[in-house]
């Protein structure tokens, strides 16, 4: 009886460890590239922290694109 419970607990911990590790680092870095406006991300996160809120970024804000002088009327 004790042995079967031990195997069950060991098996479940392996399953949970596998689920938790699937794509963790890749998923965390998937939305980040050089176009992410990190200044805005930091500002919004700090503002939310002072208000007692939590921000979950689905899509990170992008840096504003520089206007080419030939496009300005």
C-alpha atoms as a PDB file:
ATOM      1  CA  UNK A   1       0.000   0.000   0.000  1.00  0.00           C
ATOM      2  CA  UNK A   2       2.702   2.487   0.987  1.00  0.00           C
ATOM      3  CA  UNK A   3       4.736   1.600  -2.091  1.00  0.00           C
ATOM      4  CA  UNK A   4       1.834   2.256  -4.464  1.00  0.00           C
ATOM      5  CA  UNK A   5       1.178   5.644  -2.865  1.00  0.00           C
ATOM      6  CA  UNK A   6       4.874   6.503  -3.186  1.00  0.00           C
ATOM      7  CA  UNK A   7       4.826   5.611  -6.894  1.00  0.00           C
ATOM      8  CA  UNK A   8       1.638   7.604  -7.406  1.00  0.00           C
ATOM      9  CA  UNK A   9       3.085  10.713  -5.746  1.00  0.00           C
ATOM     10  CA  UNK A  10       6.368  10.368  -7.665  1.00  0.00           C
ATOM     11  CA  UNK A  11       4.494   9.933 -10.951  1.00  0.00           C
ATOM     12  CA  UNK A  12       2.245  12.919 -10.352  1.00  0.00           C
ATOM     13  CA  UNK A  13       5.194  15.132  -9.467  1.00  0.00           C
ATOM     14  CA  UNK A  14       6.883  14.145 -12.736  1.00  0.00           C
ATOM     15  CA  UNK A  15       3.725  14.935 -14.680  1.00  0.00           C
ATOM     16  CA  UNK A  16       3.313  18.314 -12.991  1.00  0.00           C
ATOM     17  CA  UNK A  17       6.993  19.152 -13.457  1.00  0.00           C
ATOM     18  CA  UNK A  18       6.687  18.338 -17.143  1.00  0.00           C
ATOM     19  CA  UNK A  19       3.629  20.525 -17.587  1.00  0.00           C
ATOM     20  CA  UNK A  20       5.187  23.422 -15.720  1.00  0.00           C
ATOM     21  CA  UNK A  21       8.384  23.305 -17.736  1.00  0.00           C
ATOM     22  CA  UNK A  22       6.785  23.177 -21.179  1.00  0.00           C
ATOM     23  CA  UNK A  23       7.714  26.367 -23.005  1.00  0.00           C
ATOM     24  CA  UNK A  24       8.408  28.387 -19.879  1.00  0.00           C
ATOM     25  CA  UNK A  25      11.479  30.308 -20.995  1.00  0.00           C
ATOM     26  CA  UNK A  26      10.425  30.297 -24.624  1.00  0.00           C
ATOM     27  CA  UNK A  27       6.980  31.578 -23.777  1.00  0.00           C
ATOM     28  CA  UNK A  28       8.359  34.309 -21.523  1.00  0.00           C
ATOM     29  CA  UNK A  29      10.664  35.574 -24.268  1.00  0.00           C
ATOM     30  CA  UNK A  30       8.271  34.984 -27.163  1.00  0.00           C
ATOM     31  CA  UNK A  31       6.747  38.471 -27.057  1.00  0.00           C
ATOM     32  CA  UNK A  32       9.985  40.341 -26.456  1.00  0.00           C
ATOM     33  CA  UNK A  33      12.058  41.774 -29.267  1.00  0.00           C
ATOM     34  CA  UNK A  34      13.930  44.993 -29.953  1.00  0.00           C
ATOM     35  CA  UNK A  35      10.695  46.805 -30.882  1.00  0.00           C
ATOM     36  CA  UNK A  36       9.155  46.443 -27.411  1.00  0.00           C
ATOM     37  CA  UNK A  37       8.748  49.779 -25.631  1.00  0.00           C
ATOM     38  CA  UNK A  38      10.333  48.738 -22.340  1.00  0.00           C
ATOM     39  CA  UNK A  39       9.981  52.247 -20.932  1.00  0.00           C
ATOM     40  CA  UNK A  40       6.218  52.011 -21.226  1.00  0.00           C
ATOM     41  CA  UNK A  41       6.186  48.472 -19.810  1.00  0.00           C
ATOM     42  CA  UNK A  42       8.158  49.592 -16.752  1.00  0.00           C
ATOM     43  CA  UNK A  43       6.034  52.717 -16.268  1.00  0.00           C
ATOM     44  CA  UNK A  44       2.743  50.825 -16.469  1.00  0.00           C
ATOM     45  CA  UNK A  45       3.972  48.055 -14.159  1.00  0.00           C
ATOM     46  CA  UNK A  46       5.168  50.593 -11.573  1.00  0.00           C
ATOM     47  CA  UNK A  47       1.897  52.531 -11.758  1.00  0.00           C
ATOM     48  CA  UNK A  48      -0.111  49.328 -11.320  1.00  0.00           C
ATOM     49  CA  UNK A  49       2.029  48.272  -8.372  1.00  0.00           C
ATOM     50  CA  UNK A  50       1.371  51.569  -6.578  1.00  0.00           C
ATOM     51  CA  UNK A  51      -2.377  51.095  -7.130  1.00  0.00           C
ATOM     52  CA  UNK A  52      -2.327  47.480  -5.925  1.00  0.00           C
ATOM     53  CA  UNK A  53      -3.059  46.017  -9.349  1.00  0.00           C
ATOM     54  CA  UNK A  54      -1.270  43.402 -11.416  1.00  0.00           C
ATOM     55  CA  UNK A  55      -0.570  43.758 -15.131  1.00  0.00           C
ATOM     56  CA  UNK A  56      -0.533  40.707 -17.388  1.00  0.00           C
ATOM     57  CA  UNK A  57       0.881  41.607 -20.789  1.00  0.00           C
ATOM     58  CA  UNK A  58      -0.717  39.725 -23.664  1.00  0.00           C
ATOM     59  CA  UNK A  59       1.000  41.840 -26.316  1.00  0.00           C
ATOM     60  CA  UNK A  60       3.833  44.134 -25.315  1.00  0.00           C
ATOM     61  CA  UNK A  61       3.572  47.738 -26.522  1.00  0.00           C
ATOM     62  CA  UNK A  62       5.702  48.503 -29.546  1.00  0.00           C
ATOM     63  CA  UNK A  63       8.059  51.451 -29.810  1.00  0.00           C
ATOM     64  CA  UNK A  64       6.621  54.281 -31.889  1.00  0.00           C
ATOM     65  CA  UNK A  65       7.835  54.157 -35.473  1.00  0.00           C
ATOM     66  CA  UNK A  66       9.943  57.098 -36.549  1.00  0.00           C
ATOM     67  CA  UNK A  67       8.273  59.164 -39.220  1.00  0.00           C
ATOM     68  CA  UNK A  68      10.341  59.553 -42.329  1.00  0.00           C
ATOM     69  CA  UNK A  69      10.648  63.204 -43.370  1.00  0.00           C
ATOM     70  CA  UNK A  70       9.467  62.277 -46.877  1.00  0.00           C
ATOM     71  CA  UNK A  71       6.140  61.064 -45.451  1.00  0.00           C
ATOM     72  CA  UNK A  72       5.312  64.302 -43.625  1.00  0.00           C
ATOM     73  CA  UNK A  73       3.014  66.633 -45.569  1.00  0.00           C
END
